[in-house]
Amino acid sequence: MRQYALAIMMLCCVGLFWLTSVGGSLAYQLTRPIPTSLAIIHSRVYAQALTLAALGMAGLVDVYEHRHQTNEVATCSSLHPLL
């Protein structure tokens, strides 16, 4: 159950990151002398690239935590016979 809650929270964080990225990128793009439709397209592309990078980093953290947790359980099991 805890892992499910963490996964949902991670997805919410990624969604909020995407929304913030779109807003920030759109604010920047609107200061440039380009048509609004082009500014919106650029904002979405930049936000998507940032979100993919964030998802990659979240995946790396998840893999690192899983490996660290597995090693920790193995270490505890070798130290204590009941674990």
Protein backbone atom coordinates (compact mmCIF):
# COMPACT_ATOMS: atom_id res chain seq x y z
CA MET A 1 0.00 0.00 0.00
CA ARG A 2 2.86 2.37 0.82
CA GLN A 3 4.47 1.86 -2.59
CA TYR A 4 1.14 2.60 -4.30
CA ALA A 5 0.81 5.87 -2.37
CA LEU A 6 4.39 6.82 -3.27
CA ALA A 7 3.74 6.06 -6.94
CA ILE A 8 0.61 8.23 -6.94
CA MET A 9 2.47 11.03 -5.17
CA MET A 10 5.32 10.77 -7.68
CA LEU A 11 2.88 11.07 -10.59
CA CYS A 12 1.27 14.10 -8.99
CA CYS A 13 4.68 15.71 -8.55
CA VAL A 14 5.56 15.05 -12.19
CA GLY A 15 2.22 16.53 -13.29
CA LEU A 16 2.77 19.64 -11.20
CA PHE A 17 6.31 19.91 -12.55
CA TRP A 18 4.96 19.76 -16.09
CA LEU A 19 2.35 22.42 -15.35
CA THR A 20 4.95 24.68 -13.77
CA SER A 21 7.32 24.14 -16.69
CA VAL A 22 4.61 25.05 -19.21
CA GLY A 23 3.72 28.18 -17.26
CA GLY A 24 7.31 29.32 -16.86
CA SER A 25 8.22 28.55 -20.45
CA LEU A 26 5.09 30.28 -21.74
CA ALA A 27 5.87 33.36 -19.64
CA TYR A 28 9.36 33.43 -21.15
CA GLN A 29 8.16 32.80 -24.70
CA LEU A 30 5.58 35.59 -24.53
CA THR A 31 8.35 38.10 -23.84
CA ARG A 32 9.90 37.26 -27.22
CA PRO A 33 8.60 38.82 -30.46
CA ILE A 34 7.07 35.65 -31.96
CA PRO A 35 3.44 34.75 -32.72
CA THR A 36 1.40 33.44 -29.79
CA SER A 37 0.71 30.07 -31.42
CA LEU A 38 4.44 29.50 -31.91
CA ALA A 39 5.11 30.54 -28.29
CA ILE A 40 2.58 27.96 -27.07
CA ILE A 41 4.13 25.21 -29.20
CA HIS A 42 7.63 26.04 -27.98
CA SER A 43 6.44 26.11 -24.38
CA ARG A 44 4.90 22.66 -24.66
CA VAL A 45 8.02 21.22 -26.28
CA TYR A 46 10.33 22.68 -23.63
CA ALA A 47 8.04 21.54 -20.82
CA GLN A 48 7.88 18.03 -22.28
CA ALA A 49 11.67 17.82 -22.47
CA LEU A 50 11.99 18.96 -18.86
CA THR A 51 9.33 16.47 -17.77
CA LEU A 52 11.06 13.59 -19.54
CA ALA A 53 14.30 14.54 -17.79
CA ALA A 54 12.45 14.63 -14.44
CA LEU A 55 10.88 11.22 -15.11
CA GLY A 56 14.31 9.81 -15.95
CA MET A 57 15.73 11.18 -12.72
CA ALA A 58 12.78 9.80 -10.74
CA GLY A 59 13.37 6.40 -12.33
CA LEU A 60 17.04 6.50 -11.37
CA VAL A 61 16.14 7.39 -7.79
CA ASP A 62 13.62 4.54 -7.68
CA VAL A 63 16.19 2.04 -8.96
CA TYR A 64 18.80 3.34 -6.52
CA GLU A 65 16.35 3.07 -3.59
CA HIS A 66 15.34 -0.44 -4.61
CA ARG A 67 18.96 -1.60 -4.83
CA HIS A 68 19.85 0.10 -1.57
CA GLN A 69 16.83 -1.46 0.16
CA THR A 70 17.67 -4.92 -1.22
CA ASN A 71 21.28 -4.64 -0.05
CA GLU A 72 20.12 -3.44 3.36
CA VAL A 73 17.77 -6.41 3.79
CA ALA A 74 20.52 -8.81 2.70
CA THR A 75 22.94 -7.25 5.17
CA CYS A 76 20.43 -7.45 8.01
CA SER A 77 19.57 -11.03 7.13
CA SER A 78 23.21 -12.07 7.27
CA LEU A 79 23.65 -10.38 10.66
CA HIS A 80 20.52 -11.72 12.32
CA PRO A 81 19.35 -15.30 11.67
CA LEU A 82 15.65 -14.54 12.24
CA LEU A 83 15.45 -11.80 9.61
